[in-house]
C-alpha cells in the first residue's frame, strides 16, 4: 500500500462492509489515513452505479484498505461518484483477490 496517496480512490473494510473512499490526509507519519467514504457500501454481488458522499470523514488504519482503485470515477452532480459497469467489475475483481 506504499503507492496510496492523497486524492487516491480506495476500497476500505469497515464494520464488515466495503466502501469506496478517497484519501483526504495521511497522518501520524503514515500510520493512519483520513478518508471520505461514499455510500452505499460496495456490493460484490450487484452492479451499483451511483455513490453518494457520506457527511463525516473517517480515520482508518492501513490494514483497512482492501484495494487501490486504478482509475478515477466520474464526479457527477452534488459530488456523487459514477461508475461504469466496467469500472464496477474491475473493483469487484480487485476485492475478490484480497
C-alpha atoms as a PDB file:
ATOM      1  CA  UNK A   1       0.000   0.000   0.000  1.00  0.00           C
ATOM      2  CA  UNK A   2       3.016   2.278  -0.295  1.00  0.00           C
ATOM      3  CA  UNK A   3       1.584   3.672  -3.526  1.00  0.00           C
ATOM      4  CA  UNK A   4      -1.596   5.057  -1.890  1.00  0.00           C
ATOM      5  CA  UNK A   5      -1.583   8.840  -1.771  1.00  0.00           C
ATOM      6  CA  UNK A   6      -3.811  11.839  -1.191  1.00  0.00           C
ATOM      7  CA  UNK A   7      -6.795  12.018  -3.583  1.00  0.00           C
ATOM      8  CA  UNK A   8      -6.463   8.313  -4.487  1.00  0.00           C
ATOM      9  CA  UNK A   9      -9.621   6.224  -4.537  1.00  0.00           C
ATOM     10  CA  UNK A  10      -9.515   3.059  -2.445  1.00  0.00           C
ATOM     11  CA  UNK A  11     -11.822   0.328  -1.172  1.00  0.00           C
ATOM     12  CA  UNK A  12     -11.858   0.061   2.612  1.00  0.00           C
ATOM     13  CA  UNK A  13     -13.209  -2.532   5.018  1.00  0.00           C
ATOM     14  CA  UNK A  14     -15.181  -1.085   7.940  1.00  0.00           C
ATOM     15  CA  UNK A  15     -17.619  -2.963  10.196  1.00  0.00           C
ATOM     16  CA  UNK A  16     -17.796  -5.955   7.817  1.00  0.00           C
ATOM     17  CA  UNK A  17     -18.700  -3.733   4.861  1.00  0.00           C
ATOM     18  CA  UNK A  18     -16.612  -2.404   1.996  1.00  0.00           C
ATOM     19  CA  UNK A  19     -16.800   1.235   0.958  1.00  0.00           C
ATOM     20  CA  UNK A  20     -15.436   3.270  -1.907  1.00  0.00           C
ATOM     21  CA  UNK A  21     -13.400   6.115  -0.374  1.00  0.00           C
ATOM     22  CA  UNK A  22     -10.999   8.889  -1.328  1.00  0.00           C
ATOM     23  CA  UNK A  23      -7.869   9.627   0.735  1.00  0.00           C
ATOM     24  CA  UNK A  24      -8.005  13.130   2.252  1.00  0.00           C
ATOM     25  CA  UNK A  25      -4.957  13.080   4.549  1.00  0.00           C
ATOM     26  CA  UNK A  26      -2.204  10.692   5.601  1.00  0.00           C
ATOM     27  CA  UNK A  27      -1.345  11.429   9.221  1.00  0.00           C
ATOM     28  CA  UNK A  28       0.917  10.407  12.080  1.00  0.00           C
ATOM     29  CA  UNK A  29       3.842   9.540   9.828  1.00  0.00           C
ATOM     30  CA  UNK A  30       1.753   7.241   7.663  1.00  0.00           C
ATOM     31  CA  UNK A  31       0.100   5.263  10.462  1.00  0.00           C
ATOM     32  CA  UNK A  32      -3.448   6.472   9.777  1.00  0.00           C
ATOM     33  CA  UNK A  33      -5.447   7.938   6.918  1.00  0.00           C
ATOM     34  CA  UNK A  34      -8.423  10.249   6.873  1.00  0.00           C
ATOM     35  CA  UNK A  35     -10.828   9.264   4.118  1.00  0.00           C
ATOM     36  CA  UNK A  36     -14.125  10.484   2.713  1.00  0.00           C
ATOM     37  CA  UNK A  37     -16.393   7.469   2.211  1.00  0.00           C
ATOM     38  CA  UNK A  38     -19.221   7.002  -0.235  1.00  0.00           C
ATOM     39  CA  UNK A  39     -22.428   5.052   0.216  1.00  0.00           C
ATOM     40  CA  UNK A  40     -23.990   2.601  -0.287  1.00  0.00           C
ATOM     41  CA  UNK A  41     -21.409   0.053   0.838  1.00  0.00           C
ATOM     42  CA  UNK A  42     -19.744  -1.620  -2.104  1.00  0.00           C
ATOM     43  CA  UNK A  43     -21.572  -4.782  -3.064  1.00  0.00           C
ATOM     44  CA  UNK A  44     -19.676  -7.568  -4.741  1.00  0.00           C
ATOM     45  CA  UNK A  45     -22.918  -9.189  -5.842  1.00  0.00           C
ATOM     46  CA  UNK A  46     -24.721  -6.437  -7.733  1.00  0.00           C
ATOM     47  CA  UNK A  47     -23.931  -3.537 -10.040  1.00  0.00           C
ATOM     48  CA  UNK A  48     -24.019  -0.110  -8.349  1.00  0.00           C
ATOM     49  CA  UNK A  49     -23.671   2.992 -10.491  1.00  0.00           C
ATOM     50  CA  UNK A  50     -24.035   5.995  -8.173  1.00  0.00           C
ATOM     51  CA  UNK A  51     -22.309   6.592  -4.840  1.00  0.00           C
ATOM     52  CA  UNK A  52     -23.190   9.485  -2.507  1.00  0.00           C
ATOM     53  CA  UNK A  53     -20.657  11.129  -0.216  1.00  0.00           C
ATOM     54  CA  UNK A  54     -21.043  10.295   3.493  1.00  0.00           C
ATOM     55  CA  UNK A  55     -21.092  13.519   5.510  1.00  0.00           C
ATOM     56  CA  UNK A  56     -18.314  12.771   8.017  1.00  0.00           C
ATOM     57  CA  UNK A  57     -14.711  11.921   7.266  1.00  0.00           C
ATOM     58  CA  UNK A  58     -13.374   8.706   8.773  1.00  0.00           C
ATOM     59  CA  UNK A  59      -9.975   7.886  10.258  1.00  0.00           C
ATOM     60  CA  UNK A  60      -8.781   4.417   9.269  1.00  0.00           C
ATOM     61  CA  UNK A  61      -5.716   2.216   9.695  1.00  0.00           C
ATOM     62  CA  UNK A  62      -3.680   0.988   6.715  1.00  0.00           C
ATOM     63  CA  UNK A  63      -4.871  -2.586   7.281  1.00  0.00           C
ATOM     64  CA  UNK A  64      -8.442  -1.494   6.486  1.00  0.00           C
ATOM     65  CA  UNK A  65      -7.509  -0.832   2.849  1.00  0.00           C
ATOM     66  CA  UNK A  66      -8.723  -3.665   0.634  1.00  0.00           C
ATOM     67  CA  UNK A  67      -7.575  -2.284  -2.723  1.00  0.00           C
ATOM     68  CA  UNK A  68      -6.468   0.849  -4.537  1.00  0.00           C
ATOM     69  CA  UNK A  69      -8.718   1.843  -7.423  1.00  0.00           C
ATOM     70  CA  UNK A  70      -6.615   2.224 -10.561  1.00  0.00           C
ATOM     71  CA  UNK A  71      -8.903   4.750 -12.275  1.00  0.00           C
ATOM     72  CA  UNK A  72     -10.733   7.951 -11.385  1.00  0.00           C
ATOM     73  CA  UNK A  73     -14.512   7.594 -11.014  1.00  0.00           C
ATOM     74  CA  UNK A  74     -16.577  10.289 -12.701  1.00  0.00           C
ATOM     75  CA  UNK A  75     -17.759  13.001 -10.304  1.00  0.00           C
ATOM     76  CA  UNK A  76     -21.355  13.953 -11.052  1.00  0.00           C
ATOM     77  CA  UNK A  77     -23.825  16.442  -9.686  1.00  0.00           C
ATOM     78  CA  UNK A  78     -23.825  17.061  -5.923  1.00  0.00           C
ATOM     79  CA  UNK A  79     -20.426  15.357  -5.671  1.00  0.00           C
ATOM     80  CA  UNK A  80     -21.816  11.907  -6.489  1.00  0.00           C
ATOM     81  CA  UNK A  81     -19.448   9.322  -7.950  1.00  0.00           C
ATOM     82  CA  UNK A  82     -20.481   7.463 -11.054  1.00  0.00           C
ATOM     83  CA  UNK A  83     -19.028   4.106 -12.113  1.00  0.00           C
ATOM     84  CA  UNK A  84     -19.372   2.395 -15.451  1.00  0.00           C
ATOM     85  CA  UNK A  85     -20.159  -1.303 -15.415  1.00  0.00           C
ATOM     86  CA  UNK A  86     -16.550  -1.996 -16.479  1.00  0.00           C
ATOM     87  CA  UNK A  87     -15.193   0.064 -13.563  1.00  0.00           C
ATOM     88  CA  UNK A  88     -17.521  -1.717 -11.150  1.00  0.00           C
ATOM     89  CA  UNK A  89     -16.319  -5.099 -12.424  1.00  0.00           C
ATOM     90  CA  UNK A  90     -12.669  -4.043 -12.102  1.00  0.00           C
ATOM     91  CA  UNK A  91     -13.249  -3.119  -8.443  1.00  0.00           C
ATOM     92  CA  UNK A  92     -15.102  -6.384  -7.811  1.00  0.00           C
ATOM     93  CA  UNK A  93     -12.168  -8.315  -9.300  1.00  0.00           C
ATOM     94  CA  UNK A  94      -9.626  -6.423  -7.140  1.00  0.00           C
ATOM     95  CA  UNK A  95     -11.669  -7.018  -3.972  1.00  0.00           C
ATOM     96  CA  UNK A  96     -12.175 -10.721  -4.636  1.00  0.00           C
ATOM     97  CA  UNK A  97      -8.395 -11.207  -4.926  1.00  0.00           C
ATOM     98  CA  UNK A  98      -7.855  -9.999  -1.332  1.00  0.00           C
END
